[in-house]
Amino acid sequence: MTTLHKLLRAHEQTKHATDTGTKMHQRLQRVYIDGTNTHGDADLVAKIYAVPEIAKLFTAKSRTEVPIAGTINGRFISRRIDRLTIDDNTNTIHILDYKTDTNRDTYRNMYIAQINEYALLLRAIYATYKIRGYILWTHDFSLENVHIKPL
């Protein structure tokens, strides 16, 4: 009985974490900030405004849940980028991935690899653009710059 109880508890914890992450993604998906004009959850807007680095990634020019697909090393990959901004004036692309983990180290390497996959796929379309990657840790609204591997 103890093993079944542990399995059910682990399942409940995983479901709770997944549901929390999904809800946060949905809330962030609706946030746009342009100067003093804002759209979306006021609490999230305030948290984003508190870190100017983050606010620049939430403009009306940014797109959310952007589908991207292609082949990397002979393997077909299909993903969704949480938030993507393409700045044609500076030839720069910003990739933002939201993560709700409270322990950053658990999956950090996997998340960095994921963002680098996005960058590889985007380079096929935007070969001359600089690509910047970021993780937004939503538990404390801090922004981590991700090193994008050169080709």
N, C-alpha and C. Protein backbone atom coordinates (compact mmCIF):
# COMPACT_ATOMS: atom_id res chain seq x y z
N MET A 1 0.83 -1.20 0.00
CA MET A 1 0.00 0.00 0.00
C MET A 1 0.86 1.25 0.00
N THR A 2 1.99 1.22 0.67
CA THR A 2 2.87 2.37 0.73
C THR A 2 3.38 2.76 -0.65
N THR A 3 3.74 1.77 -1.49
CA THR A 3 4.24 2.04 -2.82
C THR A 3 3.16 2.70 -3.68
N LEU A 4 1.94 2.19 -3.61
CA LEU A 4 0.83 2.79 -4.36
C LEU A 4 0.61 4.22 -3.90
N HIS A 5 0.66 4.46 -2.61
CA HIS A 5 0.48 5.81 -2.07
C HIS A 5 1.57 6.75 -2.60
N LYS A 6 2.82 6.27 -2.64
CA LYS A 6 3.92 7.08 -3.15
C LYS A 6 3.73 7.39 -4.63
N LEU A 7 3.30 6.39 -5.40
CA LEU A 7 3.07 6.60 -6.83
C LEU A 7 1.96 7.62 -7.08
N LEU A 8 0.88 7.51 -6.32
CA LEU A 8 -0.23 8.46 -6.47
C LEU A 8 0.19 9.87 -6.08
N ARG A 9 0.96 9.97 -5.01
CA ARG A 9 1.45 11.28 -4.56
C ARG A 9 2.38 11.89 -5.61
N ALA A 10 3.29 11.10 -6.16
CA ALA A 10 4.20 11.59 -7.20
C ALA A 10 3.41 12.03 -8.42
N HIS A 11 2.39 11.27 -8.79
CA HIS A 11 1.55 11.64 -9.93
C HIS A 11 0.83 12.97 -9.67
N GLU A 12 0.28 13.12 -8.47
CA GLU A 12 -0.40 14.37 -8.10
C GLU A 12 0.56 15.56 -8.15
N GLN A 13 1.78 15.38 -7.66
CA GLN A 13 2.77 16.46 -7.67
C GLN A 13 3.14 16.83 -9.11
N THR A 14 3.33 15.84 -9.96
CA THR A 14 3.66 16.10 -11.36
C THR A 14 2.51 16.82 -12.05
N LYS A 15 1.29 16.37 -11.80
CA LYS A 15 0.11 17.01 -12.40
C LYS A 15 -0.01 18.46 -11.93
N HIS A 16 0.21 18.68 -10.64
CA HIS A 16 0.14 20.05 -10.11
C HIS A 16 1.19 20.95 -10.78
N ALA A 17 2.41 20.43 -10.91
CA ALA A 17 3.49 21.22 -11.54
C ALA A 17 3.14 21.51 -13.00
N THR A 18 2.63 20.53 -13.71
CA THR A 18 2.26 20.72 -15.12
C THR A 18 1.12 21.72 -15.23
N ASP A 19 0.11 21.59 -14.40
CA ASP A 19 -1.02 22.53 -14.43
C ASP A 19 -0.57 23.95 -14.10
N THR A 20 0.32 24.09 -13.12
CA THR A 20 0.83 25.41 -12.75
C THR A 20 1.59 26.04 -13.91
N GLY A 21 2.45 25.25 -14.56
CA GLY A 21 3.20 25.74 -15.71
C GLY A 21 2.30 26.14 -16.87
N THR A 22 1.29 25.33 -17.14
CA THR A 22 0.35 25.62 -18.23
C THR A 22 -0.41 26.92 -17.96
N LYS A 23 -0.87 27.09 -16.74
CA LYS A 23 -1.60 28.32 -16.39
C LYS A 23 -0.71 29.55 -16.51
N MET A 24 0.54 29.44 -16.06
CA MET A 24 1.47 30.57 -16.15
C MET A 24 1.74 30.91 -17.62
N HIS A 25 1.94 29.90 -18.45
CA HIS A 25 2.17 30.14 -19.88
C HIS A 25 0.97 30.87 -20.49
N GLN A 26 -0.23 30.45 -20.14
CA GLN A 26 -1.44 31.09 -20.68
C GLN A 26 -1.54 32.54 -20.24
N ARG A 27 -1.21 32.81 -19.00
CA ARG A 27 -1.25 34.19 -18.51
C ARG A 27 -0.20 35.04 -19.20
N LEU A 28 1.03 34.52 -19.34
CA LEU A 28 2.11 35.27 -19.97
C LEU A 28 1.85 35.49 -21.46
N GLN A 29 1.17 34.57 -22.06
CA GLN A 29 0.86 34.65 -23.49
C GLN A 29 0.04 35.91 -23.81
N ARG A 30 -0.72 36.37 -22.85
CA ARG A 30 -1.61 37.52 -23.07
C ARG A 30 -0.99 38.87 -22.70
N VAL A 31 0.25 38.86 -22.23
CA VAL A 31 0.89 40.10 -21.78
C VAL A 31 1.66 40.77 -22.91
N TYR A 32 1.35 42.05 -23.11
CA TYR A 32 2.11 42.90 -24.05
C TYR A 32 2.34 44.24 -23.38
N ILE A 33 3.53 44.79 -23.57
CA ILE A 33 3.88 46.07 -22.97
C ILE A 33 4.51 46.95 -24.04
N ASP A 34 3.94 48.11 -24.23
CA ASP A 34 4.51 49.11 -25.14
C ASP A 34 4.45 50.46 -24.45
N GLY A 35 5.59 50.88 -23.93
CA GLY A 35 5.62 52.14 -23.19
C GLY A 35 4.70 52.06 -22.00
N THR A 36 3.73 52.96 -21.95
CA THR A 36 2.78 52.96 -20.83
C THR A 36 1.54 52.14 -21.15
N ASN A 37 1.41 51.67 -22.38
CA ASN A 37 0.27 50.83 -22.74
C ASN A 37 0.58 49.38 -22.42
N THR A 38 -0.29 48.78 -21.64
CA THR A 38 -0.09 47.38 -21.27
C THR A 38 -1.36 46.59 -21.55
N HIS A 39 -1.16 45.31 -21.73
CA HIS A 39 -2.29 44.41 -21.93
C HIS A 39 -1.99 43.12 -21.19
N GLY A 40 -2.97 42.62 -20.47
CA GLY A 40 -2.79 41.35 -19.78
C GLY A 40 -2.87 41.48 -18.27
N ASP A 41 -2.57 40.42 -17.60
CA ASP A 41 -2.65 40.30 -16.16
C ASP A 41 -1.81 41.39 -15.48
N ALA A 42 -2.47 42.25 -14.70
CA ALA A 42 -1.79 43.39 -14.07
C ALA A 42 -0.68 42.96 -13.13
N ASP A 43 -0.87 41.85 -12.42
CA ASP A 43 0.16 41.35 -11.52
C ASP A 43 1.42 40.95 -12.30
N LEU A 44 1.23 40.26 -13.41
CA LEU A 44 2.37 39.85 -14.23
C LEU A 44 3.04 41.07 -14.87
N VAL A 45 2.24 42.02 -15.34
CA VAL A 45 2.80 43.23 -15.94
C VAL A 45 3.70 43.94 -14.93
N ALA A 46 3.24 44.04 -13.68
CA ALA A 46 4.05 44.70 -12.64
C ALA A 46 5.36 43.95 -12.40
N LYS A 47 5.31 42.62 -12.38
CA LYS A 47 6.52 41.83 -12.18
C LYS A 47 7.48 42.00 -13.35
N ILE A 48 6.93 42.07 -14.55
CA ILE A 48 7.76 42.22 -15.74
C ILE A 48 8.37 43.62 -15.77
N TYR A 49 7.58 44.64 -15.47
CA TYR A 49 8.09 46.02 -15.42
C TYR A 49 9.23 46.17 -14.41
N ALA A 50 9.19 45.38 -13.35
CA ALA A 50 10.21 45.50 -12.30
C ALA A 50 11.61 45.13 -12.81
N VAL A 51 11.67 44.42 -13.94
CA VAL A 51 12.96 44.03 -14.52
C VAL A 51 12.95 44.51 -15.98
N PRO A 52 13.52 45.70 -16.25
CA PRO A 52 13.47 46.28 -17.60
C PRO A 52 13.96 45.35 -18.70
N GLU A 53 14.94 44.50 -18.39
CA GLU A 53 15.44 43.51 -19.35
C GLU A 53 14.32 42.61 -19.86
N ILE A 54 13.41 42.26 -18.95
CA ILE A 54 12.29 41.38 -19.31
C ILE A 54 11.26 42.15 -20.12
N ALA A 55 10.97 43.37 -19.71
CA ALA A 55 9.92 44.16 -20.36
C ALA A 55 10.17 44.34 -21.86
N LYS A 56 11.43 44.45 -22.27
CA LYS A 56 11.72 44.67 -23.69
C LYS A 56 11.36 43.45 -24.54
N LEU A 57 11.14 42.31 -23.90
CA LEU A 57 10.78 41.09 -24.63
C LEU A 57 9.27 40.89 -24.73
N PHE A 58 8.50 41.80 -24.15
CA PHE A 58 7.04 41.67 -24.13
C PHE A 58 6.34 42.77 -24.94
N THR A 59 6.98 43.29 -25.96
CA THR A 59 6.36 44.32 -26.78
C THR A 59 5.29 43.72 -27.69
N ALA A 60 4.50 44.59 -28.28
CA ALA A 60 3.46 44.13 -29.21
C ALA A 60 4.06 43.46 -30.44
N LYS A 61 5.35 43.72 -30.72
CA LYS A 61 6.01 43.07 -31.85
C LYS A 61 6.36 41.61 -31.56
N SER A 62 6.37 41.24 -30.30
CA SER A 62 6.71 39.86 -29.96
C SER A 62 5.51 38.96 -30.27
N ARG A 63 5.83 37.72 -30.55
CA ARG A 63 4.81 36.72 -30.86
C ARG A 63 4.91 35.59 -29.85
N THR A 64 3.77 34.98 -29.53
CA THR A 64 3.77 33.91 -28.55
C THR A 64 3.41 32.57 -29.19
N GLU A 65 3.90 31.52 -28.56
CA GLU A 65 3.61 30.15 -28.99
C GLU A 65 3.86 29.99 -30.50
N VAL A 66 5.06 30.38 -30.92
CA VAL A 66 5.42 30.38 -32.34
C VAL A 66 5.86 28.97 -32.74
N PRO A 67 5.14 28.35 -33.68
CA PRO A 67 5.55 27.02 -34.12
C PRO A 67 6.80 27.09 -34.98
N ILE A 68 7.68 26.12 -34.81
CA ILE A 68 8.89 26.05 -35.61
C ILE A 68 9.22 24.57 -35.82
N ALA A 69 9.67 24.26 -37.02
CA ALA A 69 10.00 22.87 -37.33
C ALA A 69 11.13 22.83 -38.34
N GLY A 70 11.83 21.73 -38.35
CA GLY A 70 12.92 21.52 -39.29
C GLY A 70 13.71 20.29 -38.90
N THR A 71 14.81 20.10 -39.59
CA THR A 71 15.65 18.92 -39.36
C THR A 71 16.99 19.35 -38.76
N ILE A 72 17.36 18.68 -37.70
CA ILE A 72 18.67 18.89 -37.06
C ILE A 72 19.34 17.53 -36.97
N ASN A 73 20.53 17.43 -37.58
CA ASN A 73 21.28 16.16 -37.58
C ASN A 73 20.43 14.98 -38.04
N GLY A 74 19.64 15.21 -39.10
CA GLY A 74 18.83 14.15 -39.67
C GLY A 74 17.58 13.80 -38.89
N ARG A 75 17.30 14.55 -37.85
CA ARG A 75 16.13 14.28 -37.01
C ARG A 75 15.12 15.42 -37.14
N PHE A 76 13.87 15.09 -37.48
CA PHE A 76 12.84 16.11 -37.61
C PHE A 76 12.44 16.60 -36.23
N ILE A 77 12.36 17.93 -36.09
CA ILE A 77 12.02 18.55 -34.81
C ILE A 77 10.86 19.51 -35.03
N SER A 78 9.87 19.45 -34.17
CA SER A 78 8.74 20.37 -34.22
C SER A 78 8.53 20.88 -32.80
N ARG A 79 8.56 22.19 -32.64
CA ARG A 79 8.48 22.81 -31.31
C ARG A 79 7.60 24.07 -31.36
N ARG A 80 7.40 24.66 -30.18
CA ARG A 80 6.75 25.97 -30.04
C ARG A 80 7.64 26.84 -29.17
N ILE A 81 7.93 28.03 -29.67
CA ILE A 81 8.72 28.99 -28.92
C ILE A 81 7.75 29.82 -28.08
N ASP A 82 8.01 29.93 -26.78
CA ASP A 82 7.09 30.64 -25.89
C ASP A 82 6.90 32.09 -26.32
N ARG A 83 8.00 32.78 -26.59
CA ARG A 83 7.90 34.18 -27.04
C ARG A 83 9.08 34.47 -27.95
N LEU A 84 8.79 35.08 -29.09
CA LEU A 84 9.80 35.35 -30.10
C LEU A 84 9.66 36.79 -30.58
N THR A 85 10.78 37.49 -30.63
CA THR A 85 10.79 38.86 -31.16
C THR A 85 11.84 38.91 -32.26
N ILE A 86 11.44 39.41 -33.42
CA ILE A 86 12.35 39.58 -34.53
C ILE A 86 12.47 41.08 -34.79
N ASP A 87 13.68 41.59 -34.61
CA ASP A 87 13.93 43.02 -34.81
C ASP A 87 14.71 43.19 -36.11
N ASP A 88 14.00 43.59 -37.16
CA ASP A 88 14.64 43.77 -38.47
C ASP A 88 15.56 44.99 -38.51
N ASN A 89 15.37 45.94 -37.60
CA ASN A 89 16.24 47.12 -37.56
C ASN A 89 17.65 46.77 -37.09
N THR A 90 17.74 45.85 -36.14
CA THR A 90 19.06 45.46 -35.61
C THR A 90 19.48 44.06 -36.05
N ASN A 91 18.64 43.43 -36.87
CA ASN A 91 18.89 42.05 -37.31
C ASN A 91 19.16 41.13 -36.12
N THR A 92 18.25 41.20 -35.15
CA THR A 92 18.38 40.40 -33.93
C THR A 92 17.08 39.67 -33.66
N ILE A 93 17.21 38.43 -33.26
CA ILE A 93 16.07 37.62 -32.84
C ILE A 93 16.23 37.31 -31.36
N HIS A 94 15.15 37.48 -30.60
CA HIS A 94 15.14 37.17 -29.17
C HIS A 94 14.20 35.99 -28.95
N ILE A 95 14.72 34.94 -28.34
CA ILE A 95 13.94 33.76 -27.99
C ILE A 95 13.78 33.76 -26.48
N LEU A 96 12.53 33.69 -26.02
CA LEU A 96 12.27 33.67 -24.58
C LEU A 96 11.49 32.41 -24.25
N ASP A 97 11.98 31.65 -23.28
CA ASP A 97 11.31 30.44 -22.84
C ASP A 97 10.94 30.62 -21.38
N TYR A 98 9.70 30.33 -21.02
CA TYR A 98 9.24 30.45 -19.64
C TYR A 98 9.47 29.13 -18.92
N LYS A 99 9.98 29.21 -17.72
CA LYS A 99 10.18 28.01 -16.90
C LYS A 99 9.67 28.28 -15.49
N THR A 100 8.86 27.35 -14.98
CA THR A 100 8.25 27.53 -13.66
C THR A 100 9.00 26.78 -12.56
N ASP A 101 10.08 26.07 -12.91
CA ASP A 101 10.84 25.31 -11.92
C ASP A 101 11.36 26.23 -10.82
N THR A 102 11.36 25.72 -9.60
CA THR A 102 11.97 26.49 -8.51
C THR A 102 13.42 26.09 -8.32
N ASN A 103 13.79 24.90 -8.78
CA ASN A 103 15.19 24.48 -8.74
C ASN A 103 15.74 24.58 -10.17
N ARG A 104 16.47 25.61 -10.44
CA ARG A 104 16.95 25.88 -11.81
C ARG A 104 17.88 24.80 -12.33
N ASP A 105 18.63 24.18 -11.47
CA ASP A 105 19.67 23.26 -11.92
C ASP A 105 19.13 21.91 -12.41
N THR A 106 17.93 21.55 -12.00
CA THR A 106 17.41 20.23 -12.32
C THR A 106 17.37 19.98 -13.83
N TYR A 107 16.81 20.93 -14.59
CA TYR A 107 16.65 20.74 -16.03
C TYR A 107 17.34 21.81 -16.87
N ARG A 108 18.16 22.64 -16.25
CA ARG A 108 18.79 23.76 -16.95
C ARG A 108 19.48 23.34 -18.25
N ASN A 109 20.29 22.30 -18.22
CA ASN A 109 20.99 21.88 -19.43
C ASN A 109 20.03 21.48 -20.54
N MET A 110 18.95 20.83 -20.17
CA MET A 110 17.93 20.45 -21.15
C MET A 110 17.27 21.71 -21.75
N TYR A 111 17.00 22.70 -20.91
CA TYR A 111 16.38 23.93 -21.39
C TYR A 111 17.33 24.70 -22.32
N ILE A 112 18.59 24.74 -21.97
CA ILE A 112 19.58 25.42 -22.81
C ILE A 112 19.68 24.72 -24.16
N ALA A 113 19.67 23.40 -24.15
CA ALA A 113 19.71 22.64 -25.41
C ALA A 113 18.47 22.93 -26.25
N GLN A 114 17.33 23.06 -25.60
CA GLN A 114 16.07 23.36 -26.28
C GLN A 114 16.16 24.72 -26.98
N ILE A 115 16.64 25.72 -26.29
CA ILE A 115 16.76 27.06 -26.88
C ILE A 115 17.77 27.05 -28.02
N ASN A 116 18.83 26.28 -27.88
CA ASN A 116 19.81 26.17 -28.96
C ASN A 116 19.21 25.45 -30.18
N GLU A 117 18.30 24.52 -29.97
CA GLU A 117 17.58 23.91 -31.09
C GLU A 117 16.75 24.97 -31.82
N TYR A 118 16.05 25.78 -31.05
CA TYR A 118 15.28 26.87 -31.67
C TYR A 118 16.19 27.74 -32.53
N ALA A 119 17.35 28.08 -31.98
CA ALA A 119 18.29 28.95 -32.69
C ALA A 119 18.76 28.30 -33.99
N LEU A 120 19.07 27.02 -33.95
CA LEU A 120 19.49 26.32 -35.16
C LEU A 120 18.40 26.35 -36.23
N LEU A 121 17.18 26.11 -35.83
CA LEU A 121 16.06 26.13 -36.77
C LEU A 121 15.84 27.53 -37.34
N LEU A 122 15.98 28.55 -36.49
CA LEU A 122 15.79 29.93 -36.95
C LEU A 122 16.91 30.38 -37.89
N ARG A 123 18.11 29.87 -37.69
CA ARG A 123 19.24 30.25 -38.56
C ARG A 123 19.01 29.83 -40.01
N ALA A 124 18.23 28.78 -40.21
CA ALA A 124 17.92 28.34 -41.57
C ALA A 124 17.09 29.39 -42.30
N ILE A 125 16.38 30.21 -41.56
CA ILE A 125 15.52 31.24 -42.15
C ILE A 125 16.19 32.61 -42.07
N TYR A 126 16.84 32.89 -40.96
CA TYR A 126 17.45 34.20 -40.68
C TYR A 126 18.96 34.05 -40.51
N ALA A 127 19.63 33.67 -41.57
CA ALA A 127 21.06 33.35 -41.52
C ALA A 127 21.93 34.51 -41.07
N THR A 128 21.53 35.75 -41.36
CA THR A 128 22.37 36.90 -41.05
C THR A 128 22.01 37.56 -39.71
N TYR A 129 21.02 37.05 -39.02
CA TYR A 129 20.56 37.67 -37.77
C TYR A 129 21.33 37.13 -36.57
N LYS A 130 21.53 38.00 -35.58
CA LYS A 130 22.06 37.57 -34.28
C LYS A 130 20.89 36.94 -33.52
N ILE A 131 21.16 35.91 -32.80
CA ILE A 131 20.11 35.26 -32.04
C ILE A 131 20.48 35.28 -30.56
N ARG A 132 19.55 35.76 -29.76
CA ARG A 132 19.72 35.84 -28.31
C ARG A 132 18.68 34.93 -27.66
N GLY A 133 19.10 34.19 -26.66
CA GLY A 133 18.18 33.30 -25.96
C GLY A 133 18.11 33.63 -24.48
N TYR A 134 16.92 33.43 -23.92
CA TYR A 134 16.69 33.75 -22.51
C TYR A 134 15.73 32.73 -21.90
N ILE A 135 15.92 32.51 -20.60
CA ILE A 135 14.95 31.77 -19.80
C ILE A 135 14.37 32.75 -18.79
N LEU A 136 13.06 32.83 -18.75
CA LEU A 136 12.37 33.61 -17.72
C LEU A 136 11.93 32.63 -16.64
N TRP A 137 12.59 32.72 -15.49
CA TRP A 137 12.24 31.88 -14.35
C TRP A 137 11.06 32.54 -13.65
N THR A 138 9.88 31.97 -13.80
CA THR A 138 8.66 32.65 -13.34
C THR A 138 8.46 32.61 -11.83
N HIS A 139 9.15 31.76 -11.12
CA HIS A 139 8.96 31.73 -9.67
C HIS A 139 9.52 32.99 -9.01
N ASP A 140 10.52 33.63 -9.65
CA ASP A 140 11.06 34.87 -9.09
C ASP A 140 11.22 35.98 -10.14
N PHE A 141 10.71 35.74 -11.32
CA PHE A 141 10.79 36.68 -12.44
C PHE A 141 12.19 37.23 -12.66
N SER A 142 13.11 36.28 -12.76
CA SER A 142 14.47 36.64 -13.13
C SER A 142 14.74 36.12 -14.54
N LEU A 143 15.62 36.81 -15.22
CA LEU A 143 15.93 36.48 -16.60
C LEU A 143 17.35 35.94 -16.68
N GLU A 144 17.49 34.79 -17.31
CA GLU A 144 18.81 34.19 -17.51
C GLU A 144 19.15 34.24 -18.99
N ASN A 145 20.30 34.81 -19.30
CA ASN A 145 20.79 34.80 -20.68
C ASN A 145 21.32 33.40 -20.98
N VAL A 146 20.96 32.90 -22.15
CA VAL A 146 21.40 31.58 -22.58
C VAL A 146 22.44 31.74 -23.68
N HIS A 147 23.56 31.06 -23.52
CA HIS A 147 24.60 31.10 -24.54
C HIS A 147 24.11 30.32 -25.76
N ILE A 148 24.04 31.00 -26.89
CA ILE A 148 23.67 30.37 -28.15
C ILE A 148 24.95 29.89 -28.81
N LYS A 149 25.02 28.60 -29.08
CA LYS A 149 26.21 28.03 -29.69
C LYS A 149 26.38 28.55 -31.12
N PRO A 150 27.60 28.92 -31.48
CA PRO A 150 27.84 29.33 -32.87
C PRO A 150 27.74 28.12 -33.80
N LEU A 151 27.52 28.40 -35.06
CA LEU A 151 27.45 27.28 -36.02
C LEU A 151 28.77 26.57 -36.14
